[in-house]
Amino acid sequence: MAAIRHPKDFWSGVMFILLGAAALYLGAKYNLGTAARMGPGYFPRILGALLIVFGLILALRSFWLSGPPLPRWKLRPTLVVLGSVVLFGAIVQSVGVAISTVILIMSASAASHEFRPREALIAGVCLAALAVGVFVIGLKLQLPIWPTFFG
């Protein structure tokens, strides 16, 4: 058996393949439709197939390219990022998309040892504007932009 020379690429490829297979499996029960008239199963199947292809490319190239070993897994950053996402989901209805996105970015950024509050705040404000533009204005999702107590 060939040795894995780039573990990051290999395990990233495995993750993409598994996610793609899950998308194909879950999308199989929905009608595919056609390219001109897409059904509800069209996007998950196409996305799943693309994820599998990219995963295979990544996993296969890990046998030819050399790369660093995987770093040790750290529990604290993982819990901080997951907690930030859970907090976002818990407060988005009452605080609004704009402020909850800034809170999400600021708190998730704090998981890194390279955390810089000013840069995280700037990124949070930009991503909040993007989230409001795409999800609330563009897709017309029924999410408040600002806190409910603002009116």
Protein backbone atom coordinates (compact mmCIF):
# COMPACT_ATOMS: atom_id res chain seq x y z
CA MET A 1 0.00 0.00 0.00
CA ALA A 2 1.25 3.48 -0.84
CA ALA A 3 2.11 5.79 2.01
CA ILE A 4 0.11 8.95 2.59
CA ARG A 5 2.55 11.82 2.07
CA HIS A 6 0.12 14.71 2.72
CA PRO A 7 -2.23 13.79 5.59
CA LYS A 8 -4.19 17.09 5.47
CA ASP A 9 -5.15 16.54 1.84
CA PHE A 10 -5.97 12.90 2.45
CA TRP A 11 -8.31 13.49 5.39
CA SER A 12 -9.88 16.54 3.75
CA GLY A 13 -10.58 14.35 0.72
CA VAL A 14 -12.12 11.65 2.89
CA MET A 15 -14.33 14.26 4.58
CA PHE A 16 -15.49 15.64 1.20
CA ILE A 17 -16.23 12.13 -0.07
CA LEU A 18 -18.30 11.31 3.02
CA LEU A 19 -20.24 14.59 2.85
CA GLY A 20 -20.83 14.09 -0.88
CA ALA A 21 -22.07 10.54 -0.32
CA ALA A 22 -24.42 11.80 2.41
CA ALA A 23 -25.77 14.48 0.06
CA LEU A 24 -26.34 11.89 -2.66
CA TYR A 25 -28.07 9.55 -0.22
CA LEU A 26 -30.31 12.25 1.26
CA GLY A 27 -31.08 13.78 -2.14
CA ALA A 28 -31.99 10.43 -3.72
CA LYS A 29 -35.52 10.48 -2.30
CA TYR A 30 -36.32 13.79 -4.05
CA ASN A 31 -37.29 14.27 -7.69
CA LEU A 32 -34.27 15.18 -9.84
CA GLY A 33 -36.07 17.06 -12.61
CA THR A 34 -34.15 18.37 -15.61
CA ALA A 35 -31.52 21.05 -16.12
CA ALA A 36 -34.22 23.38 -17.44
CA ARG A 37 -36.70 22.53 -14.69
CA MET A 38 -34.78 21.47 -11.62
CA GLY A 39 -36.47 19.40 -8.97
CA PRO A 40 -35.72 19.47 -5.23
CA GLY A 41 -33.18 16.66 -5.59
CA TYR A 42 -31.14 18.36 -8.33
CA PHE A 43 -28.93 20.58 -6.15
CA PRO A 44 -28.08 17.99 -3.46
CA ARG A 45 -27.14 15.41 -6.09
CA ILE A 46 -25.00 17.77 -8.16
CA LEU A 47 -23.34 19.14 -5.02
CA GLY A 48 -22.78 15.61 -3.69
CA ALA A 49 -21.22 14.46 -6.95
CA LEU A 50 -18.92 17.52 -7.05
CA LEU A 51 -17.87 16.96 -3.44
CA ILE A 52 -17.01 13.34 -4.21
CA VAL A 53 -14.96 14.35 -7.29
CA PHE A 54 -13.05 17.03 -5.36
CA GLY A 55 -12.56 14.63 -2.47
CA LEU A 56 -11.13 11.97 -4.75
CA ILE A 57 -8.76 14.51 -6.32
CA LEU A 58 -7.57 15.65 -2.88
CA ALA A 59 -7.20 12.14 -1.53
CA LEU A 60 -5.33 10.88 -4.58
CA ARG A 61 -2.93 13.83 -4.71
CA SER A 62 -2.03 13.16 -1.07
CA PHE A 63 -0.06 10.13 -2.28
CA TRP A 64 2.18 12.25 -4.57
CA LEU A 65 2.59 15.60 -2.81
CA SER A 66 4.42 15.94 0.47
CA GLY A 67 2.95 17.94 3.30
CA PRO A 68 3.23 18.51 7.02
CA PRO A 69 1.71 16.03 9.47
CA LEU A 70 -1.65 16.80 10.99
CA PRO A 71 -1.42 19.09 13.99
CA ARG A 72 -2.62 17.85 17.35
CA TRP A 73 -6.37 18.28 17.73
CA LYS A 74 -7.31 20.94 20.26
CA LEU A 75 -10.58 20.82 22.16
CA ARG A 76 -10.83 24.47 23.27
CA PRO A 77 -10.96 26.12 19.79
CA THR A 78 -13.43 23.51 18.60
CA LEU A 79 -15.76 24.15 21.53
CA VAL A 80 -15.45 27.94 21.18
CA VAL A 81 -16.37 27.85 17.48
CA LEU A 82 -19.25 25.39 18.01
CA GLY A 83 -20.47 27.43 20.98
CA SER A 84 -20.37 30.58 18.85
CA VAL A 85 -22.57 28.96 16.21
CA VAL A 86 -25.02 27.72 18.85
CA LEU A 87 -25.11 31.18 20.41
CA PHE A 88 -25.82 32.71 16.98
CA GLY A 89 -28.73 30.34 16.46
CA ALA A 90 -30.09 31.11 19.92
CA ILE A 91 -30.00 34.91 19.59
CA VAL A 92 -30.60 35.64 15.89
CA GLN A 93 -34.40 35.99 16.27
CA SER A 94 -34.23 38.39 19.19
CA VAL A 95 -31.03 40.31 18.44
CA GLY A 96 -31.25 40.36 14.64
CA VAL A 97 -28.98 39.16 11.88
CA ALA A 98 -26.67 42.18 11.92
CA ILE A 99 -25.65 42.13 15.58
CA SER A 100 -25.74 38.34 15.98
CA THR A 101 -23.41 37.93 12.98
CA VAL A 102 -20.92 40.37 14.49
CA ILE A 103 -21.14 38.47 17.81
CA LEU A 104 -20.63 35.17 15.96
CA ILE A 105 -17.52 36.38 14.15
CA MET A 106 -16.03 38.05 17.23
CA SER A 107 -16.58 35.04 19.50
CA ALA A 108 -15.46 32.44 16.93
CA SER A 109 -12.35 34.49 16.12
CA ALA A 110 -11.41 34.44 19.79
CA ALA A 111 -10.69 30.70 19.40
CA SER A 112 -7.48 31.52 17.54
CA HIS A 113 -4.23 32.42 19.23
CA GLU A 114 -3.86 35.09 16.49
CA PHE A 115 -7.08 36.85 17.58
CA ARG A 116 -7.10 40.60 16.96
CA PRO A 117 -10.32 42.28 18.16
CA ARG A 118 -10.21 45.17 15.69
CA GLU A 119 -9.75 42.89 12.67
CA ALA A 120 -12.46 40.55 13.91
CA LEU A 121 -14.85 43.48 14.38
CA ILE A 122 -14.18 44.77 10.86
CA ALA A 123 -14.69 41.27 9.42
CA GLY A 124 -17.85 40.85 11.51
CA VAL A 125 -19.36 44.11 10.27
CA CYS A 126 -18.55 43.27 6.63
CA LEU A 127 -19.97 39.76 6.96
CA ALA A 128 -23.05 41.10 8.75
CA ALA A 129 -23.69 43.48 5.84
CA LEU A 130 -23.22 40.59 3.41
CA ALA A 131 -25.53 38.32 5.43
CA VAL A 132 -28.26 40.98 5.57
CA GLY A 133 -27.87 41.66 1.85
CA VAL A 134 -27.97 38.03 0.79
CA PHE A 135 -30.37 36.41 3.23
CA VAL A 136 -32.77 39.14 4.33
CA ILE A 137 -32.88 41.42 1.28
CA GLY A 138 -31.91 39.05 -1.54
CA LEU A 139 -33.55 35.80 -0.47
CA LYS A 140 -36.25 37.54 1.57
CA LEU A 141 -35.87 35.25 4.58
CA GLN A 142 -38.09 36.27 7.48
CA LEU A 143 -35.28 37.25 9.83
CA PRO A 144 -35.09 40.53 11.72
CA ILE A 145 -32.14 42.73 10.77
CA TRP A 146 -32.01 44.56 14.10
CA PRO A 147 -33.09 43.68 17.64
CA THR A 148 -36.84 43.43 18.17
CA PHE A 149 -36.76 46.13 20.83
CA PHE A 150 -35.60 48.65 18.17
CA GLY A 151 -39.03 48.38 16.53
